[in-house]
């Protein structure tokens, strides 16, 4: 009787263990809705960021074109400094946009930046116009 009971317990235990160790085919299941929504929001944000960088690049090209029209040496030097700084900023934004593109952030990496004093990506306002350099009075 003890041997029969022991055999039944061992059979039931082994069946239970086999049921726990088998995993369902996870590749056929779609991602959860929250994950899909996050992915869609990131894609939309990246598109807005690329559009904003393109506007910044266009404004910078206008600044470069206007630089040749300045005749006052002091104003021209100040305008050149402005162009150089904005060139660096636009280049940085383009590099960030490229890095965060399809193989960057949306590729599964958990990366956050701190822009404008806020955590995450919320510091960037995607609906604001491209930043304009402040007008500097000649010294």
Protein backbone atom coordinates (compact mmCIF):
# COMPACT_ATOMS: atom_id res chain seq x y z
CA UNK A 1 0.00 0.00 0.00
CA UNK A 2 2.82 2.39 0.89
CA UNK A 3 4.62 1.50 -2.31
CA UNK A 4 1.49 2.16 -4.40
CA UNK A 5 0.89 5.51 -2.66
CA UNK A 6 4.53 6.47 -3.15
CA UNK A 7 4.34 5.56 -6.87
CA UNK A 8 1.17 7.65 -7.33
CA UNK A 9 2.75 10.64 -5.57
CA UNK A 10 5.90 10.36 -7.70
CA UNK A 11 3.87 10.14 -10.93
CA UNK A 12 1.71 13.15 -9.97
CA UNK A 13 4.75 15.14 -8.90
CA UNK A 14 6.60 14.41 -12.14
CA UNK A 15 3.53 15.38 -14.19
CA UNK A 16 3.26 18.62 -12.22
CA UNK A 17 6.93 19.41 -12.76
CA UNK A 18 6.67 18.74 -16.48
CA UNK A 19 3.67 21.05 -16.73
CA UNK A 20 5.55 23.83 -14.91
CA UNK A 21 8.71 23.59 -17.00
CA UNK A 22 7.01 23.68 -20.38
CA UNK A 23 6.85 27.22 -21.73
CA UNK A 24 4.34 28.50 -24.23
CA UNK A 25 5.61 29.73 -27.59
CA UNK A 26 6.22 33.38 -26.71
CA UNK A 27 7.29 34.43 -30.23
CA UNK A 28 3.73 34.04 -31.53
CA UNK A 29 2.18 36.33 -28.91
CA UNK A 30 1.89 40.02 -29.80
CA UNK A 31 3.41 42.61 -27.46
CA UNK A 32 1.16 43.91 -24.71
CA UNK A 33 -0.90 46.99 -25.64
CA UNK A 34 1.05 49.25 -23.27
CA UNK A 35 4.34 48.28 -24.90
CA UNK A 36 2.93 48.87 -28.38
CA UNK A 37 1.55 52.26 -27.34
CA UNK A 38 4.95 53.25 -25.88
CA UNK A 39 6.68 52.19 -29.11
CA UNK A 40 4.22 54.22 -31.20
CA UNK A 41 4.69 57.28 -28.98
CA UNK A 42 8.48 57.00 -29.26
CA UNK A 43 8.24 56.73 -33.05
CA UNK A 44 6.02 59.81 -33.16
CA UNK A 45 8.40 61.72 -30.87
CA UNK A 46 11.38 60.76 -33.04
CA UNK A 47 9.58 61.99 -36.16
CA UNK A 48 8.79 65.30 -34.46
CA UNK A 49 12.40 65.60 -33.29
CA UNK A 50 13.71 65.02 -36.82
CA UNK A 51 11.32 67.66 -38.19
CA UNK A 52 12.46 70.14 -35.54
CA UNK A 53 16.12 69.47 -36.32
CA UNK A 54 15.41 70.01 -40.03
CA UNK A 55 13.85 73.41 -39.22
CA UNK A 56 16.85 74.28 -37.08
CA UNK A 57 19.19 73.33 -39.94
CA UNK A 58 17.21 75.51 -42.38
CA UNK A 59 17.35 78.48 -39.99
CA UNK A 60 21.08 77.96 -39.53
CA UNK A 61 21.61 77.99 -43.30
CA UNK A 62 19.73 81.32 -43.46
CA UNK A 63 21.98 82.68 -40.70
CA UNK A 64 25.05 81.62 -42.69
CA UNK A 65 23.72 83.31 -45.82
CA UNK A 66 22.98 86.52 -43.91
CA UNK A 67 26.45 86.50 -42.38
CA UNK A 68 27.97 87.55 -45.72
CA UNK A 69 25.72 90.63 -45.84
CA UNK A 70 27.07 92.12 -42.59
CA UNK A 71 29.64 94.83 -43.15
CA UNK A 72 30.40 95.97 -39.57
CA UNK A 73 33.38 93.86 -38.40
CA UNK A 74 32.21 93.67 -34.76
CA UNK A 75 28.69 92.63 -35.74
CA UNK A 76 30.06 90.16 -38.27
CA UNK A 77 32.30 88.58 -35.63
CA UNK A 78 29.38 88.28 -33.19
CA UNK A 79 27.19 86.78 -35.91
CA UNK A 80 29.98 84.29 -36.74
CA UNK A 81 30.12 83.24 -33.08
CA UNK A 82 26.35 82.74 -33.12
CA UNK A 83 26.54 80.68 -36.31
CA UNK A 84 29.36 78.55 -34.86
CA UNK A 85 27.45 77.87 -31.65
CA UNK A 86 24.22 77.03 -33.46
CA UNK A 87 26.12 74.83 -35.91
CA UNK A 88 27.47 72.82 -32.96
CA UNK A 89 24.00 72.59 -31.42
CA UNK A 90 22.31 71.47 -34.64
CA UNK A 91 25.08 68.94 -35.27
CA UNK A 92 24.60 67.58 -31.74
CA UNK A 93 20.82 67.32 -32.22
CA UNK A 94 21.31 65.52 -35.55
CA UNK A 95 23.71 63.07 -33.91
CA UNK A 96 21.26 62.46 -31.04
CA UNK A 97 18.43 61.92 -33.49
CA UNK A 98 20.53 59.42 -35.45
CA UNK A 99 21.63 57.62 -32.29
CA UNK A 100 18.08 57.36 -30.97
CA UNK A 101 16.72 56.21 -34.31
CA UNK A 102 15.56 52.71 -35.27
CA UNK A 103 18.58 50.93 -33.80
CA UNK A 104 18.99 53.17 -30.77
CA UNK A 105 16.23 53.81 -28.27
CA UNK A 106 13.46 51.96 -30.05
CA UNK A 107 15.78 48.99 -30.44
CA UNK A 108 15.20 48.05 -26.82
CA UNK A 109 17.78 50.18 -25.04
CA UNK A 110 16.56 52.06 -22.00
CA UNK A 111 18.19 55.43 -22.45
CA UNK A 112 17.16 58.75 -20.93
CA UNK A 113 18.46 62.25 -21.42
CA UNK A 114 18.03 65.29 -19.28
CA UNK A 115 17.11 68.25 -21.44
CA UNK A 116 15.83 71.52 -20.09
CA UNK A 117 16.05 70.47 -16.46
CA UNK A 118 13.45 67.72 -16.65
CA UNK A 119 13.92 64.00 -16.46
CA UNK A 120 13.41 61.74 -19.42
CA UNK A 121 12.49 63.12 -22.82
CA UNK A 122 9.76 65.43 -21.55
CA UNK A 123 11.96 68.51 -21.53
CA UNK A 124 11.73 68.94 -25.28
CA UNK A 125 8.69 70.71 -26.62
CA UNK A 126 8.00 69.21 -30.01
CA UNK A 127 5.36 71.74 -31.00
CA UNK A 128 7.53 74.81 -30.39
CA UNK A 129 9.26 76.55 -33.29
CA UNK A 130 12.96 76.11 -33.86
CA UNK A 131 14.92 78.16 -31.33
CA UNK A 132 16.20 81.50 -32.51
CA UNK A 133 19.52 82.85 -31.30
CA UNK A 134 19.16 85.89 -29.07
CA UNK A 135 19.97 89.22 -30.65
CA UNK A 136 23.21 90.54 -29.20
CA UNK A 137 23.83 94.28 -29.20
CA UNK A 138 27.27 95.28 -30.51
CA UNK A 139 29.85 95.95 -27.82
